[in-house]
PDB file of N, CA and C in Angstrom:
ATOM      1  N   UNK A   1     104.842 102.160  88.784  1.00  0.00           N
ATOM      2  CA  UNK A   1     105.175 101.354  90.180  1.00  0.00           C
ATOM      3  C   UNK A   1     104.620 101.013  91.117  1.00  0.00           C
ATOM      4  N   UNK A   2     103.534 102.705  91.260  1.00  0.00           N
ATOM      5  CA  UNK A   2     102.928 102.160  92.361  1.00  0.00           C
ATOM      6  C   UNK A   2     101.995 101.260  92.882  1.00  0.00           C
ATOM      7  N   UNK A   3     101.163 101.008  91.745  1.00  0.00           N
ATOM      8  CA  UNK A   3     100.571  99.592  92.038  1.00  0.00           C
ATOM      9  C   UNK A   3     101.264  98.374  92.251  1.00  0.00           C
ATOM     10  N   UNK A   4     102.783  97.864  91.652  1.00  0.00           N
ATOM     11  CA  UNK A   4     103.512  96.706  92.074  1.00  0.00           C
ATOM     12  C   UNK A   4     103.843  97.011  93.483  1.00  0.00           C
ATOM     13  N   UNK A   5     104.199  98.143  93.828  1.00  0.00           N
ATOM     14  CA  UNK A   5     105.066  98.781  95.393  1.00  0.00           C
ATOM     15  C   UNK A   5     103.521  98.095  96.042  1.00  0.00           C
ATOM     16  N   UNK A   6     102.380  98.692  95.932  1.00  0.00           N
ATOM     17  CA  UNK A   6     101.317  98.554  96.847  1.00  0.00           C
ATOM     18  C   UNK A   6     101.293  96.783  96.710  1.00  0.00           C
ATOM     19  N   UNK A   7     100.961  96.019  95.847  1.00  0.00           N
ATOM     20  CA  UNK A   7     100.943  94.548  95.790  1.00  0.00           C
ATOM     21  C   UNK A   7     101.806  93.738  96.547  1.00  0.00           C
ATOM     22  N   UNK A   8     103.093  94.383  96.345  1.00  0.00           N
ATOM     23  CA  UNK A   8     104.232  94.020  97.311  1.00  0.00           C
ATOM     24  C   UNK A   8     104.072  94.049  98.660  1.00  0.00           C
ATOM     25  N   UNK A   9     103.371  95.244  99.033  1.00  0.00           N
ATOM     26  CA  UNK A   9     103.031  95.580 100.700  1.00  0.00           C
ATOM     27  C   UNK A   9     101.932  94.455 101.186  1.00  0.00           C
ATOM     28  N   UNK A  10     100.922  93.953 100.318  1.00  0.00           N
ATOM     29  CA  UNK A  10      99.982  92.967 100.805  1.00  0.00           C
ATOM     30  C   UNK A  10     100.330  91.375 100.533  1.00  0.00           C
ATOM     31  N   UNK A  11     101.625  91.199 100.160  1.00  0.00           N
ATOM     32  CA  UNK A  11     102.223  90.063  99.816  1.00  0.00           C
ATOM     33  C   UNK A  11     101.691  89.065  98.264  1.00  0.00           C
ATOM     34  N   UNK A  12     101.398  90.166  97.561  1.00  0.00           N
ATOM     35  CA  UNK A  12     101.041  89.769  96.214  1.00  0.00           C
ATOM     36  C   UNK A  12     102.321  89.893  95.616  1.00  0.00           C
ATOM     37  N   UNK A  13     103.305  88.648  95.190  1.00  0.00           N
ATOM     38  CA  UNK A  13     104.574  88.874  94.807  1.00  0.00           C
ATOM     39  C   UNK A  13     104.360  88.604  93.063  1.00  0.00           C
ATOM     40  N   UNK A  14     103.501  87.719  92.692  1.00  0.00           N
ATOM     41  CA  UNK A  14     103.509  87.264  91.162  1.00  0.00           C
ATOM     42  C   UNK A  14     103.469  88.715  90.360  1.00  0.00           C
ATOM     43  N   UNK A  15     102.528  89.351  90.423  1.00  0.00           N
ATOM     44  CA  UNK A  15     101.670  90.595  89.873  1.00  0.00           C
ATOM     45  C   UNK A  15     103.204  91.386  89.521  1.00  0.00           C
ATOM     46  N   UNK A  16     103.817  91.946  90.516  1.00  0.00           N
ATOM     47  CA  UNK A  16     104.958  92.651  90.575  1.00  0.00           C
ATOM     48  C   UNK A  16     105.783  91.864  89.371  1.00  0.00           C
ATOM     49  N   UNK A  17     106.059  90.774  89.826  1.00  0.00           N
ATOM     50  CA  UNK A  17     106.909  90.332  89.035  1.00  0.00           C
ATOM     51  C   UNK A  17     106.475  90.496  87.634  1.00  0.00           C
ATOM     52  N   UNK A  18     105.605  89.878  87.441  1.00  0.00           N
ATOM     53  CA  UNK A  18     104.768  89.876  86.069  1.00  0.00           C
ATOM     54  C   UNK A  18     105.200  91.586  85.331  1.00  0.00           C
ATOM     55  N   UNK A  19     104.783  92.417  86.123  1.00  0.00           N
ATOM     56  CA  UNK A  19     104.924  93.933  85.878  1.00  0.00           C
ATOM     57  C   UNK A  19     106.784  94.085  85.380  1.00  0.00           C
ATOM     58  N   UNK A  20     107.303  93.946  86.285  1.00  0.00           N
ATOM     59  CA  UNK A  20     109.040  93.713  85.927  1.00  0.00           C
ATOM     60  C   UNK A  20     109.230  93.335  84.765  1.00  0.00           C
ATOM     61  N   UNK A  21     108.891  91.763  84.586  1.00  0.00           N
ATOM     62  CA  UNK A  21     109.587  91.136  83.424  1.00  0.00           C
ATOM     63  C   UNK A  21     108.924  91.918  82.288  1.00  0.00           C
ATOM     64  N   UNK A  22     107.464  92.391  82.126  1.00  0.00           N
ATOM     65  CA  UNK A  22     107.158  93.783  81.039  1.00  0.00           C
ATOM     66  C   UNK A  22     108.207  94.514  80.869  1.00  0.00           C
ATOM     67  N   UNK A  23     108.334  95.630  81.924  1.00  0.00           N
ATOM     68  CA  UNK A  23     109.068  96.615  81.709  1.00  0.00           C
ATOM     69  C   UNK A  23     110.553  96.356  81.842  1.00  0.00           C
ATOM     70  N   UNK A  24     111.051  95.346  81.998  1.00  0.00           N
ATOM     71  CA  UNK A  24     112.721  95.008  81.576  1.00  0.00           C
ATOM     72  C   UNK A  24     112.605  94.303  80.300  1.00  0.00           C
ATOM     73  N   UNK A  25     111.702  94.251  79.284  1.00  0.00           N
ATOM     74  CA  UNK A  25     112.223  93.552  78.035  1.00  0.00           C
ATOM     75  C   UNK A  25     111.572  94.519  77.409  1.00  0.00           C
ATOM     76  N   UNK A  26     110.226  95.358  77.461  1.00  0.00           N
ATOM     77  CA  UNK A  26     109.750  96.376  76.474  1.00  0.00           C
ATOM     78  C   UNK A  26     110.657  97.549  76.174  1.00  0.00           C
ATOM     79  N   UNK A  27     110.784  97.771  75.151  1.00  0.00           N
ATOM     80  CA  UNK A  27     111.662  98.917  74.870  1.00  0.00           C
ATOM     81  C   UNK A  27     111.366 100.242  75.102  1.00  0.00           C
ATOM     82  N   UNK A  28     109.900 100.097  75.169  1.00  0.00           N
ATOM     83  CA  UNK A  28     109.438 101.499  75.574  1.00  0.00           C
ATOM     84  C   UNK A  28     109.801 102.653  77.018  1.00  0.00           C
ATOM     85  N   UNK A  29     110.369 101.439  77.628  1.00  0.00           N
ATOM     86  CA  UNK A  29     110.269 101.582  78.929  1.00  0.00           C
ATOM     87  C   UNK A  29     111.443 102.519  79.348  1.00  0.00           C
ATOM     88  N   UNK A  30     110.598 103.762  79.751  1.00  0.00           N
ATOM     89  CA  UNK A  30     112.245 104.833  80.158  1.00  0.00           C
ATOM     90  C   UNK A  30     113.599 104.103  80.897  1.00  0.00           C
ATOM     91  N   UNK A  31     114.320 104.600  80.858  1.00  0.00           N
ATOM     92  CA  UNK A  31     115.710 104.176  81.774  1.00  0.00           C
ATOM     93  C   UNK A  31     115.453 103.801  83.261  1.00  0.00           C
ATOM     94  N   UNK A  32     114.648 105.421  83.590  1.00  0.00           N
ATOM     95  CA  UNK A  32     114.663 105.414  85.134  1.00  0.00           C
ATOM     96  C   UNK A  32     113.245 104.028  85.479  1.00  0.00           C
ATOM     97  N   UNK A  33     112.093 104.111  84.708  1.00  0.00           N
ATOM     98  CA  UNK A  33     111.445 102.939  84.859  1.00  0.00           C
ATOM     99  C   UNK A  33     111.998 101.764  85.013  1.00  0.00           C
ATOM    100  N   UNK A  34     112.567 101.362  84.252  1.00  0.00           N
ATOM    101  CA  UNK A  34     113.538  99.796  84.314  1.00  0.00           C
ATOM    102  C   UNK A  34     114.490  99.600  85.341  1.00  0.00           C
ATOM    103  N   UNK A  35     115.063 100.813  85.689  1.00  0.00           N
ATOM    104  CA  UNK A  35     115.752 100.802  86.921  1.00  0.00           C
ATOM    105  C   UNK A  35     114.806 101.089  88.249  1.00  0.00           C
ATOM    106  N   UNK A  36     113.882 101.430  88.468  1.00  0.00           N
ATOM    107  CA  UNK A  36     113.043 100.968  89.332  1.00  0.00           C
ATOM    108  C   UNK A  36     112.346  99.575  89.560  1.00  0.00           C
ATOM    109  N   UNK A  37     112.108  99.110  88.051  1.00  0.00           N
ATOM    110  CA  UNK A  37     111.764  97.631  87.881  1.00  0.00           C
ATOM    111  C   UNK A  37     112.497  96.571  88.645  1.00  0.00           C
ATOM    112  N   UNK A  38     114.046  96.978  88.476  1.00  0.00           N
ATOM    113  CA  UNK A  38     115.194  96.025  88.696  1.00  0.00           C
ATOM    114  C   UNK A  38     115.474  96.111  90.114  1.00  0.00           C
ATOM    115  N   UNK A  39     115.061  97.264  90.923  1.00  0.00           N
ATOM    116  CA  UNK A  39     115.108  97.331  92.376  1.00  0.00           C
ATOM    117  C   UNK A  39     114.226  96.491  92.977  1.00  0.00           C
ATOM    118  N   UNK A  40     112.495  96.874  92.032  1.00  0.00           N
ATOM    119  CA  UNK A  40     111.716  95.987  92.588  1.00  0.00           C
ATOM    120  C   UNK A  40     111.772  94.528  92.590  1.00  0.00           C
ATOM    121  N   UNK A  41     112.315  94.013  91.792  1.00  0.00           N
ATOM    122  CA  UNK A  41     112.532  92.762  91.290  1.00  0.00           C
ATOM    123  C   UNK A  41     113.297  92.123  92.109  1.00  0.00           C
ATOM    124  N   UNK A  42     114.309  92.859  92.418  1.00  0.00           N
ATOM    125  CA  UNK A  42     115.924  92.666  93.586  1.00  0.00           C
ATOM    126  C   UNK A  42     114.692  91.972  95.026  1.00  0.00           C
ATOM    127  N   UNK A  43     113.955  92.667  95.080  1.00  0.00           N
ATOM    128  CA  UNK A  43     113.252  92.868  96.342  1.00  0.00           C
ATOM    129  C   UNK A  43     111.990  91.561  96.205  1.00  0.00           C
ATOM    130  N   UNK A  44     111.353  91.273  95.391  1.00  0.00           N
ATOM    131  CA  UNK A  44     110.370  90.376  94.874  1.00  0.00           C
ATOM    132  C   UNK A  44     111.253  88.682  94.847  1.00  0.00           C
ATOM    133  N   UNK A  45     112.386  88.858  94.594  1.00  0.00           N
ATOM    134  CA  UNK A  45     113.241  87.635  94.252  1.00  0.00           C
ATOM    135  C   UNK A  45     113.704  87.137  95.367  1.00  0.00           C
ATOM    136  N   UNK A  46     114.005  88.228  96.520  1.00  0.00           N
ATOM    137  CA  UNK A  46     113.825  87.490  97.796  1.00  0.00           C
ATOM    138  C   UNK A  46     112.733  86.838  98.755  1.00  0.00           C
ATOM    139  N   UNK A  47     111.723  87.648  98.286  1.00  0.00           N
ATOM    140  CA  UNK A  47     110.477  86.741  98.693  1.00  0.00           C
ATOM    141  C   UNK A  47     109.816  85.334  98.038  1.00  0.00           C
ATOM    142  N   UNK A  48     110.103  85.261  96.726  1.00  0.00           N
ATOM    143  CA  UNK A  48     109.296  84.395  95.969  1.00  0.00           C
ATOM    144  C   UNK A  48     110.144  83.678  95.622  1.00  0.00           C
ATOM    145  N   UNK A  49     109.426  82.129  95.586  1.00  0.00           N
ATOM    146  CA  UNK A  49     110.571  80.970  95.104  1.00  0.00           C
ATOM    147  C   UNK A  49     110.815  81.282  93.888  1.00  0.00           C
ATOM    148  N   UNK A  50     112.311  81.082  93.579  1.00  0.00           N
ATOM    149  CA  UNK A  50     112.944  81.130  92.158  1.00  0.00           C
ATOM    150  C   UNK A  50     111.895  80.627  91.352  1.00  0.00           C
ATOM    151  N   UNK A  51     111.377  79.333  90.884  1.00  0.00           N
ATOM    152  CA  UNK A  51     110.732  79.111  90.155  1.00  0.00           C
ATOM    153  C   UNK A  51     109.099  79.744  89.595  1.00  0.00           C
ATOM    154  N   UNK A  52     108.251  80.371  90.829  1.00  0.00           N
ATOM    155  CA  UNK A  52     107.206  81.038  90.867  1.00  0.00           C
ATOM    156  C   UNK A  52     107.596  82.432  90.059  1.00  0.00           C
ATOM    157  N   UNK A  53     109.235  83.163  90.355  1.00  0.00           N
ATOM    158  CA  UNK A  53     109.882  83.975  89.804  1.00  0.00           C
ATOM    159  C   UNK A  53     110.047  84.267  88.726  1.00  0.00           C
ATOM    160  N   UNK A  54     110.435  82.786  88.038  1.00  0.00           N
ATOM    161  CA  UNK A  54     110.629  82.542  86.647  1.00  0.00           C
ATOM    162  C   UNK A  54     109.288  82.592  85.510  1.00  0.00           C
ATOM    163  N   UNK A  55     108.255  81.981  86.422  1.00  0.00           N
ATOM    164  CA  UNK A  55     107.191  81.734  85.652  1.00  0.00           C
ATOM    165  C   UNK A  55     106.363  83.098  85.479  1.00  0.00           C
ATOM    166  N   UNK A  56     106.382  84.047  86.696  1.00  0.00           N
ATOM    167  CA  UNK A  56     105.751  85.336  86.516  1.00  0.00           C
ATOM    168  C   UNK A  56     106.659  86.506  85.046  1.00  0.00           C
ATOM    169  N   UNK A  57     107.811  86.077  85.600  1.00  0.00           N
ATOM    170  CA  UNK A  57     108.753  87.299  84.568  1.00  0.00           C
ATOM    171  C   UNK A  57     107.907  86.541  83.252  1.00  0.00           C
ATOM    172  N   UNK A  58     108.144  85.235  82.829  1.00  0.00           N
ATOM    173  CA  UNK A  58     107.868  84.894  81.361  1.00  0.00           C
ATOM    174  C   UNK A  58     106.201  85.306  80.943  1.00  0.00           C
ATOM    175  N   UNK A  59     105.312  85.318  82.035  1.00  0.00           N
ATOM    176  CA  UNK A  59     103.996  86.009  81.811  1.00  0.00           C
ATOM    177  C   UNK A  59     104.215  87.217  81.465  1.00  0.00           C
ATOM    178  N   UNK A  60     104.954  88.336  82.187  1.00  0.00           N
ATOM    179  CA  UNK A  60     105.097  89.183  81.924  1.00  0.00           C
ATOM    180  C   UNK A  60     106.099  90.141  80.660  1.00  0.00           C
ATOM    181  N   UNK A  61     106.738  89.050  80.551  1.00  0.00           N
ATOM    182  CA  UNK A  61     107.425  89.197  79.478  1.00  0.00           C
ATOM    183  C   UNK A  61     106.638  89.053  77.957  1.00  0.00           C
ATOM    184  N   UNK A  62     105.365  88.009  78.088  1.00  0.00           N
ATOM    185  CA  UNK A  62     104.519  88.100  76.958  1.00  0.00           C
ATOM    186  C   UNK A  62     103.522  88.652  76.842  1.00  0.00           C
ATOM    187  N   UNK A  63     103.636  89.691  77.820  1.00  0.00           N
ATOM    188  CA  UNK A  63     101.976  90.541  77.401  1.00  0.00           C
ATOM    189  C   UNK A  63     102.571  91.726  76.633  1.00  0.00           C
ATOM    190  N   UNK A  64     101.359  92.167  76.133  1.00  0.00           N
ATOM    191  CA  UNK A  64     101.658  93.633  75.661  1.00  0.00           C
ATOM    192  C   UNK A  64     100.760  94.826  76.213  1.00  0.00           C
ATOM    193  N   UNK A  65     101.807  95.875  75.993  1.00  0.00           N
ATOM    194  CA  UNK A  65     101.229  97.129  76.462  1.00  0.00           C
ATOM    195  C   UNK A  65      99.731  97.203  77.128  1.00  0.00           C
ATOM    196  N   UNK A  66      99.115  96.794  75.799  1.00  0.00           N
ATOM    197  CA  UNK A  66      97.437  96.637  76.192  1.00  0.00           C
ATOM    198  C   UNK A  66      96.710  96.128  77.105  1.00  0.00           C
ATOM    199  N   UNK A  67      97.576  95.271  76.975  1.00  0.00           N
ATOM    200  CA  UNK A  67      97.246  93.781  78.487  1.00  0.00           C
ATOM    201  C   UNK A  67      97.774  94.355  80.166  1.00  0.00           C
ATOM    202  N   UNK A  68      98.927  95.296  79.719  1.00  0.00           N
ATOM    203  CA  UNK A  68      99.257  95.434  81.031  1.00  0.00           C
ATOM    204  C   UNK A  68      98.535  96.964  81.546  1.00  0.00           C
ATOM    205  N   UNK A  69      98.300  97.571  80.644  1.00  0.00           N
ATOM    206  CA  UNK A  69      97.311  98.874  81.070  1.00  0.00           C
ATOM    207  C   UNK A  69      95.667  98.319  81.457  1.00  0.00           C
ATOM    208  N   UNK A  70      95.716  96.926  80.827  1.00  0.00           N
ATOM    209  CA  UNK A  70      94.031  97.266  81.322  1.00  0.00           C
ATOM    210  C   UNK A  70      94.022  96.227  82.398  1.00  0.00           C
ATOM    211  N   UNK A  71      94.871  95.827  82.948  1.00  0.00           N
ATOM    212  CA  UNK A  71      95.139  94.752  84.107  1.00  0.00           C
ATOM    213  C   UNK A  71      95.346  96.056  85.031  1.00  0.00           C
ATOM    214  N   UNK A  72      96.224  96.728  84.818  1.00  0.00           N
ATOM    215  CA  UNK A  72      96.102  98.241  86.278  1.00  0.00           C
ATOM    216  C   UNK A  72      95.065  99.012  86.126  1.00  0.00           C
ATOM    217  N   UNK A  73      94.636  99.234  85.182  1.00  0.00           N
ATOM    218  CA  UNK A  73      93.063 100.192  85.287  1.00  0.00           C
ATOM    219  C   UNK A  73      91.921  99.005  85.748  1.00  0.00           C
ATOM    220  N   UNK A  74      92.122  97.554  85.612  1.00  0.00           N
ATOM    221  CA  UNK A  74      91.044  96.813  86.500  1.00  0.00           C
ATOM    222  C   UNK A  74      90.234  96.293  85.176  1.00  0.00           C
ATOM    223  N   UNK A  75      90.432  96.497  84.144  1.00  0.00           N
ATOM    224  CA  UNK A  75      89.802  96.210  82.832  1.00  0.00           C
ATOM    225  C   UNK A  75      89.560  94.532  82.719  1.00  0.00           C
ATOM    226  N   UNK A  76      88.689  93.776  82.537  1.00  0.00           N
ATOM    227  CA  UNK A  76      88.242  92.617  82.578  1.00  0.00           C
ATOM    228  C   UNK A  76      88.373  91.994  81.256  1.00  0.00           C
ATOM    229  N   UNK A  77      87.893  92.877  80.357  1.00  0.00           N
ATOM    230  CA  UNK A  77      87.332  92.206  78.858  1.00  0.00           C
ATOM    231  C   UNK A  77      88.623  91.843  78.047  1.00  0.00           C
ATOM    232  N   UNK A  78      88.455  91.888  76.901  1.00  0.00           N
ATOM    233  CA  UNK A  78      89.815  91.394  75.852  1.00  0.00           C
ATOM    234  C   UNK A  78      90.116  92.826  75.429  1.00  0.00           C
ATOM    235  N   UNK A  79      91.662  92.742  74.737  1.00  0.00           N
ATOM    236  CA  UNK A  79      92.495  93.732  74.826  1.00  0.00           C
ATOM    237  C   UNK A  79      93.024  93.480  73.311  1.00  0.00           C
ATOM    238  N   UNK A  80      93.472  94.767  72.617  1.00  0.00           N
ATOM    239  CA  UNK A  80      94.026  94.186  71.614  1.00  0.00           C
ATOM    240  C   UNK A  80      94.978  93.727  71.428  1.00  0.00           C
ATOM    241  N   UNK A  81      95.991  92.866  70.435  1.00  0.00           N
ATOM    242  CA  UNK A  81      96.707  91.874  70.492  1.00  0.00           C
ATOM    243  C   UNK A  81      98.126  92.337  69.890  1.00  0.00           C
ATOM    244  N   UNK A  82      98.092  94.180  69.731  1.00  0.00           N
ATOM    245  CA  UNK A  82      99.011  94.455  68.905  1.00  0.00           C
ATOM    246  C   UNK A  82     100.118  95.122  70.222  1.00  0.00           C
ATOM    247  N   UNK A  83     101.419  95.149  69.711  1.00  0.00           N
ATOM    248  CA  UNK A  83     102.662  95.731  70.296  1.00  0.00           C
ATOM    249  C   UNK A  83     102.817  94.924  71.354  1.00  0.00           C
ATOM    250  N   UNK A  84     103.052  93.551  71.124  1.00  0.00           N
ATOM    251  CA  UNK A  84     103.445  92.404  72.318  1.00  0.00           C
ATOM    252  C   UNK A  84     105.334  92.995  72.241  1.00  0.00           C
ATOM    253  N   UNK A  85     105.628  93.113  73.451  1.00  0.00           N
ATOM    254  CA  UNK A  85     107.106  92.861  73.497  1.00  0.00           C
ATOM    255  C   UNK A  85     107.916  91.797  72.943  1.00  0.00           C
ATOM    256  N   UNK A  86     108.984  91.839  72.576  1.00  0.00           N
ATOM    257  CA  UNK A  86     109.934  90.617  71.784  1.00  0.00           C
ATOM    258  C   UNK A  86     110.799  90.090  73.461  1.00  0.00           C
ATOM    259  N   UNK A  87     110.389  88.870  73.764  1.00  0.00           N
ATOM    260  CA  UNK A  87     111.121  88.788  74.825  1.00  0.00           C
ATOM    261  C   UNK A  87     112.684  88.367  74.489  1.00  0.00           C
ATOM    262  N   UNK A  88     113.559  88.703  75.214  1.00  0.00           N
ATOM    263  CA  UNK A  88     115.209  88.603  75.298  1.00  0.00           C
ATOM    264  C   UNK A  88     115.547  87.362  75.259  1.00  0.00           C
ATOM    265  N   UNK A  89     115.767  86.783  74.465  1.00  0.00           N
ATOM    266  CA  UNK A  89     116.491  85.353  75.136  1.00  0.00           C
ATOM    267  C   UNK A  89     117.439  85.208  76.395  1.00  0.00           C
TER     268      UNK A  89
END
């Protein structure tokens, strides 16, 4: 979550919302991480317009763990399309 918190400090709000969207629907995320994501998302929701927040969350829910790791690491190449999280209705 350090990356998301750093982005929030520089007013880059969509990316932390995407990461939270992923973490809150990924069954592999530990409860502590999900709680941290919920807190961070509450802060983002106060600063990002609702429509932008919803779109960012949807983008995050559509990403795979490999895509998230690649983004955090700054990898610009293609990533495997496996292990996509299932978005909750």
